[in-house]
mmCIF file of all heavy atoms, coordinates in Angstrom:
data_MODEL
# 
_entry.id   MODEL 
# 
loop_
_atom_site.group_PDB 
_atom_site.id 
_atom_site.type_symbol 
_atom_site.label_atom_id 
_atom_site.label_alt_id 
_atom_site.label_comp_id 
_atom_site.label_asym_id 
_atom_site.label_entity_id 
_atom_site.label_seq_id 
_atom_site.pdbx_PDB_ins_code 
_atom_site.Cartn_x 
_atom_site.Cartn_y 
_atom_site.Cartn_z 
_atom_site.occupancy 
_atom_site.B_iso_or_equiv 
_atom_site.pdbx_formal_charge 
_atom_site.auth_seq_id 
_atom_site.auth_comp_id 
_atom_site.auth_asym_id 
_atom_site.auth_atom_id 
_atom_site.pdbx_PDB_model_num 
ATOM 1   N N   . LEU A 1 1  ? -11.661 -37.530 -45.043 1.00 0.00 ? 1  LEU A N   1 
ATOM 2   C CA  . LEU A 1 1  ? -13.067 -37.789 -44.757 1.00 0.00 ? 1  LEU A CA  1 
ATOM 3   C C   . LEU A 1 1  ? -13.865 -36.490 -44.729 1.00 0.00 ? 1  LEU A C   1 
ATOM 4   O O   . LEU A 1 1  ? -14.959 -36.401 -45.293 1.00 0.00 ? 1  LEU A O   1 
ATOM 5   C CB  . LEU A 1 1  ? -13.201 -38.522 -43.419 1.00 0.00 ? 1  LEU A CB  1 
ATOM 6   C CG  . LEU A 1 1  ? -14.640 -38.870 -42.991 1.00 0.00 ? 1  LEU A CG  1 
ATOM 7   C CD1 . LEU A 1 1  ? -15.302 -39.757 -44.028 1.00 0.00 ? 1  LEU A CD1 1 
ATOM 8   C CD2 . LEU A 1 1  ? -14.632 -39.534 -41.622 1.00 0.00 ? 1  LEU A CD2 1 
ATOM 9   N N   . ARG A 1 2  ? -13.291 -35.455 -44.080 1.00 0.00 ? 2  ARG A N   1 
ATOM 10  C CA  . ARG A 1 2  ? -13.986 -34.169 -44.034 1.00 0.00 ? 2  ARG A CA  1 
ATOM 11  C C   . ARG A 1 2  ? -14.200 -33.615 -45.442 1.00 0.00 ? 2  ARG A C   1 
ATOM 12  O O   . ARG A 1 2  ? -15.272 -33.092 -45.762 1.00 0.00 ? 2  ARG A O   1 
ATOM 13  C CB  . ARG A 1 2  ? -13.188 -33.173 -43.184 1.00 0.00 ? 2  ARG A CB  1 
ATOM 14  C CG  . ARG A 1 2  ? -13.276 -33.413 -41.692 1.00 0.00 ? 2  ARG A CG  1 
ATOM 15  C CD  . ARG A 1 2  ? -12.836 -32.169 -40.934 1.00 0.00 ? 2  ARG A CD  1 
ATOM 16  N NE  . ARG A 1 2  ? -11.460 -31.829 -41.218 1.00 0.00 ? 2  ARG A NE  1 
ATOM 17  C CZ  . ARG A 1 2  ? -10.420 -32.284 -40.536 1.00 0.00 ? 2  ARG A CZ  1 
ATOM 18  N NH1 . ARG A 1 2  ? -10.610 -33.112 -39.525 1.00 0.00 ? 2  ARG A NH1 1 
ATOM 19  N NH2 . ARG A 1 2  ? -9.192  -31.918 -40.855 1.00 0.00 ? 2  ARG A NH2 1 
ATOM 20  N N   . ARG A 1 3  ? -13.170 -33.724 -46.267 1.00 0.00 ? 3  ARG A N   1 
ATOM 21  C CA  . ARG A 1 3  ? -13.294 -33.198 -47.628 1.00 0.00 ? 3  ARG A CA  1 
ATOM 22  C C   . ARG A 1 3  ? -14.320 -33.998 -48.430 1.00 0.00 ? 3  ARG A C   1 
ATOM 23  O O   . ARG A 1 3  ? -15.056 -33.435 -49.239 1.00 0.00 ? 3  ARG A O   1 
ATOM 24  C CB  . ARG A 1 3  ? -11.937 -33.213 -48.333 1.00 0.00 ? 3  ARG A CB  1 
ATOM 25  C CG  . ARG A 1 3  ? -10.973 -32.186 -47.760 1.00 0.00 ? 3  ARG A CG  1 
ATOM 26  C CD  . ARG A 1 3  ? -9.792  -31.968 -48.662 1.00 0.00 ? 3  ARG A CD  1 
ATOM 27  N NE  . ARG A 1 3  ? -8.933  -30.917 -48.158 1.00 0.00 ? 3  ARG A NE  1 
ATOM 28  C CZ  . ARG A 1 3  ? -7.979  -30.329 -48.868 1.00 0.00 ? 3  ARG A CZ  1 
ATOM 29  N NH1 . ARG A 1 3  ? -7.777  -30.672 -50.109 1.00 0.00 ? 3  ARG A NH1 1 
ATOM 30  N NH2 . ARG A 1 3  ? -7.227  -29.392 -48.332 1.00 0.00 ? 3  ARG A NH2 1 
ATOM 31  N N   . PHE A 1 4  ? -14.351 -35.298 -48.197 1.00 0.00 ? 4  PHE A N   1 
ATOM 32  C CA  . PHE A 1 4  ? -15.307 -36.118 -48.938 1.00 0.00 ? 4  PHE A CA  1 
ATOM 33  C C   . PHE A 1 4  ? -16.735 -35.769 -48.543 1.00 0.00 ? 4  PHE A C   1 
ATOM 34  O O   . PHE A 1 4  ? -17.627 -35.661 -49.395 1.00 0.00 ? 4  PHE A O   1 
ATOM 35  C CB  . PHE A 1 4  ? -15.031 -37.600 -48.681 1.00 0.00 ? 4  PHE A CB  1 
ATOM 36  C CG  . PHE A 1 4  ? -15.921 -38.515 -49.469 1.00 0.00 ? 4  PHE A CG  1 
ATOM 37  C CD1 . PHE A 1 4  ? -15.776 -38.618 -50.846 1.00 0.00 ? 4  PHE A CD1 1 
ATOM 38  C CD2 . PHE A 1 4  ? -16.914 -39.253 -48.860 1.00 0.00 ? 4  PHE A CD2 1 
ATOM 39  C CE1 . PHE A 1 4  ? -16.590 -39.455 -51.587 1.00 0.00 ? 4  PHE A CE1 1 
ATOM 40  C CE2 . PHE A 1 4  ? -17.732 -40.078 -49.593 1.00 0.00 ? 4  PHE A CE2 1 
ATOM 41  C CZ  . PHE A 1 4  ? -17.576 -40.181 -50.954 1.00 0.00 ? 4  PHE A CZ  1 
ATOM 42  N N   . ILE A 1 5  ? -16.962 -35.546 -47.236 1.00 0.00 ? 5  ILE A N   1 
ATOM 43  C CA  . ILE A 1 5  ? -18.289 -35.132 -46.790 1.00 0.00 ? 5  ILE A CA  1 
ATOM 44  C C   . ILE A 1 5  ? -18.656 -33.781 -47.397 1.00 0.00 ? 5  ILE A C   1 
ATOM 45  O O   . ILE A 1 5  ? -19.779 -33.549 -47.845 1.00 0.00 ? 5  ILE A O   1 
ATOM 46  C CB  . ILE A 1 5  ? -18.340 -35.076 -45.257 1.00 0.00 ? 5  ILE A CB  1 
ATOM 47  C CG1 . ILE A 1 5  ? -18.211 -36.491 -44.678 1.00 0.00 ? 5  ILE A CG1 1 
ATOM 48  C CG2 . ILE A 1 5  ? -19.635 -34.424 -44.774 1.00 0.00 ? 5  ILE A CG2 1 
ATOM 49  C CD1 . ILE A 1 5  ? -18.074 -36.534 -43.173 1.00 0.00 ? 5  ILE A CD1 1 
ATOM 50  N N   . PHE A 1 6  ? -17.661 -32.887 -47.446 1.00 0.00 ? 6  PHE A N   1 
ATOM 51  C CA  . PHE A 1 6  ? -17.902 -31.565 -48.054 1.00 0.00 ? 6  PHE A CA  1 
ATOM 52  C C   . PHE A 1 6  ? -18.293 -31.714 -49.513 1.00 0.00 ? 6  PHE A C   1 
ATOM 53  O O   . PHE A 1 6  ? -19.185 -31.014 -50.008 1.00 0.00 ? 6  PHE A O   1 
ATOM 54  C CB  . PHE A 1 6  ? -16.648 -30.703 -47.932 1.00 0.00 ? 6  PHE A CB  1 
ATOM 55  C CG  . PHE A 1 6  ? -16.780 -29.372 -48.603 1.00 0.00 ? 6  PHE A CG  1 
ATOM 56  C CD1 . PHE A 1 6  ? -17.418 -28.322 -47.975 1.00 0.00 ? 6  PHE A CD1 1 
ATOM 57  C CD2 . PHE A 1 6  ? -16.301 -29.181 -49.892 1.00 0.00 ? 6  PHE A CD2 1 
ATOM 58  C CE1 . PHE A 1 6  ? -17.562 -27.103 -48.600 1.00 0.00 ? 6  PHE A CE1 1 
ATOM 59  C CE2 . PHE A 1 6  ? -16.438 -27.962 -50.527 1.00 0.00 ? 6  PHE A CE2 1 
ATOM 60  C CZ  . PHE A 1 6  ? -17.071 -26.920 -49.879 1.00 0.00 ? 6  PHE A CZ  1 
ATOM 61  N N   . LEU A 1 7  ? -17.630 -32.645 -50.215 1.00 0.00 ? 7  LEU A N   1 
ATOM 62  C CA  . LEU A 1 7  ? -17.948 -32.864 -51.619 1.00 0.00 ? 7  LEU A CA  1 
ATOM 63  C C   . LEU A 1 7  ? -19.395 -33.337 -51.780 1.00 0.00 ? 7  LEU A C   1 
ATOM 64  O O   . LEU A 1 7  ? -20.093 -32.913 -52.708 1.00 0.00 ? 7  LEU A O   1 
ATOM 65  C CB  . LEU A 1 7  ? -16.997 -33.894 -52.227 1.00 0.00 ? 7  LEU A CB  1 
ATOM 66  C CG  . LEU A 1 7  ? -15.532 -33.476 -52.329 1.00 0.00 ? 7  LEU A CG  1 
ATOM 67  C CD1 . LEU A 1 7  ? -14.704 -34.638 -52.859 1.00 0.00 ? 7  LEU A CD1 1 
ATOM 68  C CD2 . LEU A 1 7  ? -15.384 -32.273 -53.217 1.00 0.00 ? 7  LEU A CD2 1 
ATOM 69  N N   . LEU A 1 8  ? -19.837 -34.210 -50.890 1.00 0.00 ? 8  LEU A N   1 
ATOM 70  C CA  . LEU A 1 8  ? -21.210 -34.686 -50.982 1.00 0.00 ? 8  LEU A CA  1 
ATOM 71  C C   . LEU A 1 8  ? -22.196 -33.539 -50.780 1.00 0.00 ? 8  LEU A C   1 
ATOM 72  O O   . LEU A 1 8  ? -23.202 -33.423 -51.485 1.00 0.00 ? 8  LEU A O   1 
ATOM 73  C CB  . LEU A 1 8  ? -21.446 -35.781 -49.940 1.00 0.00 ? 8  LEU A CB  1 
ATOM 74  C CG  . LEU A 1 8  ? -20.703 -37.098 -50.146 1.00 0.00 ? 8  LEU A CG  1 
ATOM 75  C CD1 . LEU A 1 8  ? -21.001 -38.058 -49.002 1.00 0.00 ? 8  LEU A CD1 1 
ATOM 76  C CD2 . LEU A 1 8  ? -21.062 -37.731 -51.477 1.00 0.00 ? 8  LEU A CD2 1 
ATOM 77  N N   . ILE A 1 9  ? -21.896 -32.668 -49.796 1.00 0.00 ? 9  ILE A N   1 
ATOM 78  C CA  . ILE A 1 9  ? -22.769 -31.525 -49.560 1.00 0.00 ? 9  ILE A CA  1 
ATOM 79  C C   . ILE A 1 9  ? -22.774 -30.607 -50.767 1.00 0.00 ? 9  ILE A C   1 
ATOM 80  O O   . ILE A 1 9  ? -23.817 -30.141 -51.230 1.00 0.00 ? 9  ILE A O   1 
ATOM 81  C CB  . ILE A 1 9  ? -22.314 -30.765 -48.300 1.00 0.00 ? 9  ILE A CB  1 
ATOM 82  C CG1 . ILE A 1 9  ? -22.471 -31.665 -47.064 1.00 0.00 ? 9  ILE A CG1 1 
ATOM 83  C CG2 . ILE A 1 9  ? -23.108 -29.475 -48.127 1.00 0.00 ? 9  ILE A CG2 1 
ATOM 84  C CD1 . ILE A 1 9  ? -21.867 -31.084 -45.805 1.00 0.00 ? 9  ILE A CD1 1 
ATOM 85  N N   . LEU A 1 10 ? -21.559 -30.344 -51.304 1.00 0.00 ? 10 LEU A N   1 
ATOM 86  C CA  . LEU A 1 10 ? -21.452 -29.457 -52.462 1.00 0.00 ? 10 LEU A CA  1 
ATOM 87  C C   . LEU A 1 10 ? -22.186 -30.027 -53.658 1.00 0.00 ? 10 LEU A C   1 
ATOM 88  O O   . LEU A 1 10 ? -22.854 -29.299 -54.392 1.00 0.00 ? 10 LEU A O   1 
ATOM 89  C CB  . LEU A 1 10 ? -19.977 -29.237 -52.816 1.00 0.00 ? 10 LEU A CB  1 
ATOM 90  C CG  . LEU A 1 10 ? -19.702 -28.341 -54.019 1.00 0.00 ? 10 LEU A CG  1 
ATOM 91  C CD1 . LEU A 1 10 ? -20.199 -26.927 -53.730 1.00 0.00 ? 10 LEU A CD1 1 
ATOM 92  C CD2 . LEU A 1 10 ? -18.229 -28.329 -54.365 1.00 0.00 ? 10 LEU A CD2 1 
ATOM 93  N N   . ALA A 1 11 ? -22.078 -31.331 -53.846 1.00 0.00 ? 11 ALA A N   1 
ATOM 94  C CA  . ALA A 1 11 ? -22.770 -31.952 -54.979 1.00 0.00 ? 11 ALA A CA  1 
ATOM 95  C C   . ALA A 1 11 ? -24.274 -31.717 -54.884 1.00 0.00 ? 11 ALA A C   1 
ATOM 96  O O   . ALA A 1 11 ? -24.940 -31.434 -55.874 1.00 0.00 ? 11 ALA A O   1 
ATOM 97  C CB  . ALA A 1 11 ? -22.468 -33.448 -55.020 1.00 0.00 ? 11 ALA A CB  1 
ATOM 98  N N   . GLY A 1 12 ? -24.809 -31.805 -53.662 1.00 0.00 ? 12 GLY A N   1 
ATOM 99  C CA  . GLY A 1 12 ? -26.228 -31.526 -53.487 1.00 0.00 ? 12 GLY A CA  1 
ATOM 100 C C   . GLY A 1 12 ? -26.573 -30.102 -53.802 1.00 0.00 ? 12 GLY A C   1 
ATOM 101 O O   . GLY A 1 12 ? -27.593 -29.814 -54.427 1.00 0.00 ? 12 GLY A O   1 
ATOM 102 N N   . LEU A 1 13 ? -25.702 -29.170 -53.386 1.00 0.00 ? 13 LEU A N   1 
ATOM 103 C CA  . LEU A 1 13 ? -25.946 -27.760 -53.674 1.00 0.00 ? 13 LEU A CA  1 
ATOM 104 C C   . LEU A 1 13 ? -25.906 -27.497 -55.165 1.00 0.00 ? 13 LEU A C   1 
ATOM 105 O O   . LEU A 1 13 ? -26.731 -26.761 -55.707 1.00 0.00 ? 13 LEU A O   1 
ATOM 106 C CB  . LEU A 1 13 ? -24.906 -26.896 -52.954 1.00 0.00 ? 13 LEU A CB  1 
ATOM 107 C CG  . LEU A 1 13 ? -25.057 -26.800 -51.429 1.00 0.00 ? 13 LEU A CG  1 
ATOM 108 C CD1 . LEU A 1 13 ? -23.838 -26.085 -50.852 1.00 0.00 ? 13 LEU A CD1 1 
ATOM 109 C CD2 . LEU A 1 13 ? -26.320 -26.071 -51.048 1.00 0.00 ? 13 LEU A CD2 1 
ATOM 110 N N   . LEU A 1 14 ? -24.914 -28.085 -55.844 1.00 0.00 ? 14 LEU A N   1 
ATOM 111 C CA  . LEU A 1 14 ? -24.785 -27.849 -57.275 1.00 0.00 ? 14 LEU A CA  1 
ATOM 112 C C   . LEU A 1 14 ? -25.973 -28.439 -58.034 1.00 0.00 ? 14 LEU A C   1 
ATOM 113 O O   . LEU A 1 14 ? -26.454 -27.851 -58.992 1.00 0.00 ? 14 LEU A O   1 
ATOM 114 C CB  . LEU A 1 14 ? -23.475 -28.449 -57.788 1.00 0.00 ? 14 LEU A CB  1 
ATOM 115 C CG  . LEU A 1 14 ? -22.206 -27.740 -57.306 1.00 0.00 ? 14 LEU A CG  1 
ATOM 116 C CD1 . LEU A 1 14 ? -20.984 -28.481 -57.816 1.00 0.00 ? 14 LEU A CD1 1 
ATOM 117 C CD2 . LEU A 1 14 ? -22.173 -26.297 -57.759 1.00 0.00 ? 14 LEU A CD2 1 
ATOM 118 N N   . ARG A 1 15 ? -26.431 -29.603 -57.579 1.00 0.00 ? 15 ARG A N   1 
ATOM 119 C CA  . ARG A 1 15 ? -27.605 -30.178 -58.245 1.00 0.00 ? 15 ARG A CA  1 
ATOM 120 C C   . ARG A 1 15 ? -28.817 -29.272 -58.069 1.00 0.00 ? 15 ARG A C   1 
ATOM 121 O O   . ARG A 1 15 ? -29.649 -29.139 -58.955 1.00 0.00 ? 15 ARG A O   1 
ATOM 122 C CB  . ARG A 1 15 ? -27.901 -31.577 -57.682 1.00 0.00 ? 15 ARG A CB  1 
ATOM 123 C CG  . ARG A 1 15 ? -26.976 -32.656 -58.192 1.00 0.00 ? 15 ARG A CG  1 
ATOM 124 C CD  . ARG A 1 15 ? -27.569 -34.021 -57.910 1.00 0.00 ? 15 ARG A CD  1 
ATOM 125 N NE  . ARG A 1 15 ? -27.761 -34.227 -56.476 1.00 0.00 ? 15 ARG A NE  1 
ATOM 126 C CZ  . ARG A 1 15 ? -26.837 -34.754 -55.686 1.00 0.00 ? 15 ARG A CZ  1 
ATOM 127 N NH1 . ARG A 1 15 ? -25.659 -35.092 -56.151 1.00 0.00 ? 15 ARG A NH1 1 
ATOM 128 N NH2 . ARG A 1 15 ? -27.089 -34.927 -54.399 1.00 0.00 ? 15 ARG A NH2 1 
ATOM 129 N N   . GLY A 1 16 ? -28.886 -28.613 -56.903 1.00 0.00 ? 16 GLY A N   1 
ATOM 130 C CA  . GLY A 1 16 ? -30.012 -27.730 -56.655 1.00 0.00 ? 16 GLY A CA  1 
ATOM 131 C C   . GLY A 1 16 ? -30.005 -26.491 -57.507 1.00 0.00 ? 16 GLY A C   1 
ATOM 132 O O   . GLY A 1 16 ? -31.015 -25.814 -57.629 1.00 0.00 ? 16 GLY A O   1 
ATOM 133 N N   . SER A 1 17 ? -28.842 -26.169 -58.105 1.00 0.00 ? 17 SER A N   1 
ATOM 134 C CA  . SER A 1 17 ? -28.766 -24.960 -58.914 1.00 0.00 ? 17 SER A CA  1 
ATOM 135 C C   . SER A 1 17 ? -29.196 -25.194 -60.348 1.00 0.00 ? 17 SER A C   1 
ATOM 136 O O   . SER A 1 17 ? -29.230 -24.269 -61.139 1.00 0.00 ? 17 SER A O   1 
ATOM 137 C CB  . SER A 1 17 ? -27.324 -24.419 -58.906 1.00 0.00 ? 17 SER A CB  1 
ATOM 138 O OG  . SER A 1 17 ? -26.471 -25.281 -59.620 1.00 0.00 ? 17 SER A OG  1 
ATOM 139 N N   . ILE A 1 18 ? -29.501 -26.426 -60.681 1.00 0.00 ? 18 ILE A N   1 
ATOM 140 C CA  . ILE A 1 18 ? -29.876 -26.754 -62.055 1.00 0.00 ? 18 ILE A CA  1 
ATOM 141 C C   . ILE A 1 18 ? -31.396 -26.831 -62.156 1.00 0.00 ? 18 ILE A C   1 
ATOM 142 O O   . ILE A 1 18 ? -32.041 -27.495 -61.352 1.00 0.00 ? 18 ILE A O   1 
ATOM 143 C CB  . ILE A 1 18 ? -29.234 -28.085 -62.490 1.00 0.00 ? 18 ILE A CB  1 
ATOM 144 C CG1 . ILE A 1 18 ? -27.707 -27.951 -62.442 1.00 0.00 ? 18 ILE A CG1 1 
ATOM 145 C CG2 . ILE A 1 18 ? -29.678 -28.485 -63.874 1.00 0.00 ? 18 ILE A CG2 1 
ATOM 146 C CD1 . ILE A 1 18 ? -26.989 -29.243 -62.722 1.00 0.00 ? 18 ILE A CD1 1 
ATOM 147 N N   . LEU A 1 19 ? -31.949 -26.133 -63.115 1.00 0.00 ? 19 LEU A N   1 
ATOM 148 C CA  . LEU A 1 19 ? -33.395 -26.120 -63.270 1.00 0.00 ? 19 LEU A CA  1 
ATOM 149 C C   . LEU A 1 19 ? -33.891 -27.467 -63.776 1.00 0.00 ? 19 LEU A C   1 
ATOM 150 O O   . LEU A 1 19 ? -33.172 -28.200 -64.470 1.00 0.00 ? 19 LEU A O   1 
ATOM 151 C CB  . LEU A 1 19 ? -33.790 -25.022 -64.250 1.00 0.00 ? 19 LEU A CB  1 
ATOM 152 C CG  . LEU A 1 19 ? -33.439 -23.596 -63.820 1.00 0.00 ? 19 LEU A CG  1 
ATOM 153 C CD1 . LEU A 1 19 ? -33.820 -22.634 -64.941 1.00 0.00 ? 19 LEU A CD1 1 
ATOM 154 C CD2 . LEU A 1 19 ? -34.146 -23.222 -62.538 1.00 0.00 ? 19 LEU A CD2 1 
ATOM 155 N N   . PRO A 1 20 ? -35.141 -27.837 -63.449 1.00 0.00 ? 20 PRO A N   1 
ATOM 156 C CA  . PRO A 1 20 ? -35.697 -29.091 -63.956 1.00 0.00 ? 20 PRO A CA  1 
ATOM 157 C C   . PRO A 1 20 ? -35.724 -29.086 -65.478 1.00 0.00 ? 20 PRO A C   1 
ATOM 158 O O   . PRO A 1 20 ? -35.880 -28.038 -66.107 1.00 0.00 ? 20 PRO A O   1 
ATOM 159 C CB  . PRO A 1 20 ? -37.125 -29.094 -63.373 1.00 0.00 ? 20 PRO A CB  1 
ATOM 160 C CG  . PRO A 1 20 ? -37.094 -28.129 -62.241 1.00 0.00 ? 20 PRO A CG  1 
ATOM 161 C CD  . PRO A 1 20 ? -36.068 -27.111 -62.588 1.00 0.00 ? 20 PRO A CD  1 
ATOM 162 N N   . PRO A 1 21 ? -35.576 -30.256 -66.099 1.00 0.00 ? 21 PRO A N   1 
ATOM 163 C CA  . PRO A 1 21 ? -35.587 -30.300 -67.560 1.00 0.00 ? 21 PRO A CA  1 
ATOM 164 C C   . PRO A 1 21 ? -36.932 -29.878 -68.112 1.00 0.00 ? 21 PRO A C   1 
ATOM 165 O O   . PRO A 1 21 ? -37.986 -30.159 -67.538 1.00 0.00 ? 21 PRO A O   1 
ATOM 166 C CB  . PRO A 1 21 ? -35.291 -31.776 -67.864 1.00 0.00 ? 21 PRO A CB  1 
ATOM 167 C CG  . PRO A 1 21 ? -35.663 -32.516 -66.617 1.00 0.00 ? 21 PRO A CG  1 
ATOM 168 C CD  . PRO A 1 21 ? -35.383 -31.573 -65.490 1.00 0.00 ? 21 PRO A CD  1 
ATOM 169 N N   . THR A 1 22 ? -36.890 -29.188 -69.233 1.00 0.00 ? 22 THR A N   1 
ATOM 170 C CA  . THR A 1 22 ? -38.108 -28.752 -69.900 1.00 0.00 ? 22 THR A CA  1 
ATOM 171 C C   . THR A 1 22 ? -38.431 -29.725 -71.024 1.00 0.00 ? 22 THR A C   1 
ATOM 172 O O   . THR A 1 22 ? -37.650 -30.616 -71.357 1.00 0.00 ? 22 THR A O   1 
ATOM 173 C CB  . THR A 1 22 ? -37.914 -27.345 -70.473 1.00 0.00 ? 22 THR A CB  1 
ATOM 174 O OG1 . THR A 1 22 ? -36.858 -27.404 -71.463 1.00 0.00 ? 22 THR A OG1 1 
ATOM 175 C CG2 . THR A 1 22 ? -37.505 -26.354 -69.393 1.00 0.00 ? 22 THR A CG2 1 
ATOM 176 N N   . ASP A 1 23 ? -39.603 -29.531 -71.645 1.00 0.00 ? 23 ASP A N   1 
ATOM 177 C CA  . ASP A 1 23 ? -39.947 -30.338 -72.810 1.00 0.00 ? 23 ASP A CA  1 
ATOM 178 C C   . ASP A 1 23 ? -38.911 -30.140 -73.915 1.00 0.00 ? 23 ASP A C   1 
ATOM 179 O O   . ASP A 1 23 ? -38.559 -31.083 -74.630 1.00 0.00 ? 23 ASP A O   1 
ATOM 180 C CB  . ASP A 1 23 ? -41.342 -29.948 -73.311 1.00 0.00 ? 23 ASP A CB  1 
ATOM 181 C CG  . ASP A 1 23 ? -42.436 -30.386 -72.353 1.00 0.00 ? 23 ASP A CG  1 
ATOM 182 O OD1 . ASP A 1 23 ? -42.166 -31.269 -71.522 1.00 0.00 ? 23 ASP A OD1 1 
ATOM 183 O OD2 . ASP A 1 23 ? -43.550 -29.841 -72.440 1.00 0.00 ? 23 ASP A OD2 1 
ATOM 184 N N   . GLN A 1 24 ? -38.419 -28.893 -74.059 1.00 0.00 ? 24 GLN A N   1 
ATOM 185 C CA  . GLN A 1 24 ? -37.389 -28.619 -75.063 1.00 0.00 ? 24 GLN A CA  1 
ATOM 186 C C   . GLN A 1 24 ? -36.131 -29.435 -74.777 1.00 0.00 ? 24 GLN A C   1 
ATOM 187 O O   . GLN A 1 24 ? -35.513 -29.990 -75.690 1.00 0.00 ? 24 GLN A O   1 
ATOM 188 C CB  . GLN A 1 24 ? -37.057 -27.122 -75.060 1.00 0.00 ? 24 GLN A CB  1 
ATOM 189 C CG  . GLN A 1 24 ? -35.859 -26.743 -75.900 1.00 0.00 ? 24 GLN A CG  1 
ATOM 190 C CD  . GLN A 1 24 ? -36.215 -26.491 -77.346 1.00 0.00 ? 24 GLN A CD  1 
ATOM 191 O OE1 . GLN A 1 24 ? -37.210 -27.032 -77.831 1.00 0.00 ? 24 GLN A OE1 1 
ATOM 192 N NE2 . GLN A 1 24 ? -35.422 -25.681 -78.017 1.00 0.00 ? 24 GLN A NE2 1 
ATOM 193 N N   . THR A 1 25 ? -35.740 -29.519 -73.501 1.00 0.00 ? 25 THR A N   1 
ATOM 194 C CA  . THR A 1 25 ? -34.563 -30.304 -73.124 1.00 0.00 ? 25 THR A CA  1 
ATOM 195 C C   . THR A 1 25 ? -34.722 -31.748 -73.577 1.00 0.00 ? 25 THR A C   1 
ATOM 196 O O   . THR A 1 25 ? -33.803 -32.342 -74.152 1.00 0.00 ? 25 THR A O   1 
ATOM 197 C CB  . THR A 1 25 ? -34.344 -30.251 -71.603 1.00 0.00 ? 25 THR A CB  1 
ATOM 198 O OG1 . THR A 1 25 ? -34.197 -28.895 -71.189 1.00 0.00 ? 25 THR A OG1 1 
ATOM 199 C CG2 . THR A 1 25 ? -33.113 -31.042 -71.207 1.00 0.00 ? 25 THR A CG2 1 
ATOM 200 N N   . GLU A 1 26 ? -35.869 -32.320 -73.302 1.00 0.00 ? 26 GLU A N   1 
ATOM 201 C CA  . GLU A 1 26 ? -36.088 -33.720 -73.663 1.00 0.00 ? 26 GLU A CA  1 
ATOM 202 C C   . GLU A 1 26 ? -36.111 -33.911 -75.169 1.00 0.00 ? 26 GLU A C   1 
ATOM 203 O O   . GLU A 1 26 ? -35.646 -34.934 -75.688 1.00 0.00 ? 26 GLU A O   1 
ATOM 204 C CB  . GLU A 1 26 ? -37.392 -34.226 -73.030 1.00 0.00 ? 26 GLU A CB  1 
ATOM 205 C CG  . GLU A 1 26 ? -37.325 -34.330 -71.510 1.00 0.00 ? 26 GLU A CG  1 
ATOM 206 C CD  . GLU A 1 26 ? -36.136 -35.165 -71.054 1.00 0.00 ? 26 GLU A CD  1 
ATOM 207 O OE1 . GLU A 1 26 ? -35.906 -36.248 -71.621 1.00 0.00 ? 26 GLU A OE1 1 
ATOM 208 O OE2 . GLU A 1 26 ? -35.427 -34.716 -70.139 1.00 0.00 ? 26 GLU A OE2 1 
ATOM 209 N N   . ARG A 1 27 ? -36.633 -32.926 -75.903 1.00 0.00 ? 27 ARG A N   1 
ATOM 210 C CA  . ARG A 1 27 ? -36.631 -33.040 -77.363 1.00 0.00 ? 27 ARG A CA  1 
ATOM 211 C C   . ARG A 1 27 ? -35.201 -32.994 -77.909 1.00 0.00 ? 27 ARG A C   1 
ATOM 212 O O   . ARG A 1 27 ? -34.862 -33.728 -78.840 1.00 0.00 ? 27 ARG A O   1 
ATOM 213 C CB  . ARG A 1 27 ? -37.482 -31.919 -77.974 1.00 0.00 ? 27 ARG A CB  1 
ATOM 214 C CG  . ARG A 1 27 ? -38.971 -32.091 -77.787 1.00 0.00 ? 27 ARG A CG  1 
ATOM 215 C CD  . ARG A 1 27 ? -39.763 -31.179 -78.716 1.00 0.00 ? 27 ARG A CD  1 
ATOM 216 N NE  . ARG A 1 27 ? -39.587 -29.780 -78.379 1.00 0.00 ? 27 ARG A NE  1 
ATOM 217 C CZ  . ARG A 1 27 ? -40.373 -29.102 -77.541 1.00 0.00 ? 27 ARG A CZ  1 
ATOM 218 N NH1 . ARG A 1 27 ? -41.384 -29.717 -76.952 1.00 0.00 ? 27 ARG A NH1 1 
ATOM 219 N NH2 . ARG A 1 27 ? -40.149 -27.821 -77.292 1.00 0.00 ? 27 ARG A NH2 1 
ATOM 220 N N   . VAL A 1 28 ? -34.370 -32.123 -77.322 1.00 0.00 ? 28 VAL A N   1 
ATOM 221 C CA  . VAL A 1 28 ? -32.967 -32.075 -77.753 1.00 0.00 ? 28 VAL A CA  1 
ATOM 222 C C   . VAL A 1 28 ? -32.249 -33.366 -77.391 1.00 0.00 ? 28 VAL A C   1 
ATOM 223 O O   . VAL A 1 28 ? -31.495 -33.930 -78.194 1.00 0.00 ? 28 VAL A O   1 
ATOM 224 C CB  . VAL A 1 28 ? -32.258 -30.853 -77.121 1.00 0.00 ? 28 VAL A CB  1 
ATOM 225 C CG1 . VAL A 1 28 ? -30.757 -30.912 -77.388 1.00 0.00 ? 28 VAL A CG1 1 
ATOM 226 C CG2 . VAL A 1 28 ? -32.844 -29.551 -77.659 1.00 0.00 ? 28 VAL A CG2 1 
ATOM 227 N N   . ARG A 1 29 ? -32.504 -33.879 -76.196 1.00 0.00 ? 29 ARG A N   1 
ATOM 228 C CA  . ARG A 1 29 ? -31.792 -35.080 -75.732 1.00 0.00 ? 29 ARG A CA  1 
ATOM 229 C C   . ARG A 1 29 ? -32.203 -36.326 -76.506 1.00 0.00 ? 29 ARG A C   1 
ATOM 230 O O   . ARG A 1 29 ? -31.491 -37.331 -76.475 1.00 0.00 ? 29 ARG A O   1 
ATOM 231 C CB  . ARG A 1 29 ? -32.013 -35.284 -74.239 1.00 0.00 ? 29 ARG A CB  1 
ATOM 232 C CG  . ARG A 1 29 ? -31.326 -34.225 -73.373 1.00 0.00 ? 29 ARG A CG  1 
ATOM 233 C CD  . ARG A 1 29 ? -31.201 -34.669 -71.941 1.00 0.00 ? 29 ARG A CD  1 
ATOM 234 N NE  . ARG A 1 29 ? -30.328 -35.832 -71.839 1.00 0.00 ? 29 ARG A NE  1 
ATOM 235 C CZ  . ARG A 1 29 ? -30.510 -36.800 -70.941 1.00 0.00 ? 29 ARG A CZ  1 
ATOM 236 N NH1 . ARG A 1 29 ? -31.529 -36.760 -70.098 1.00 0.00 ? 29 ARG A NH1 1 
ATOM 237 N NH2 . ARG A 1 29 ? -29.673 -37.817 -70.889 1.00 0.00 ? 29 ARG A NH2 1 
ATOM 238 N N   . ALA A 1 30 ? -33.302 -36.255 -77.204 1.00 0.00 ? 30 ALA A N   1 
ATOM 239 C CA  . ALA A 1 30 ? -33.653 -37.379 -78.068 1.00 0.00 ? 30 ALA A CA  1 
ATOM 240 C C   . ALA A 1 30 ? -32.572 -37.607 -79.122 1.00 0.00 ? 30 ALA A C   1 
ATOM 241 O O   . ALA A 1 30 ? -32.370 -38.736 -79.599 1.00 0.00 ? 30 ALA A O   1 
ATOM 242 C CB  . ALA A 1 30 ? -35.003 -37.125 -78.736 1.00 0.00 ? 30 ALA A CB  1 
# 
């Protein structure tokens, strides 16, 4: 349980390290 909670916290931190998508990102993802 402790490790799972840690994973949830880490997932939030990792998501925070990713910059918001740019217009270029969306054009590539098309």
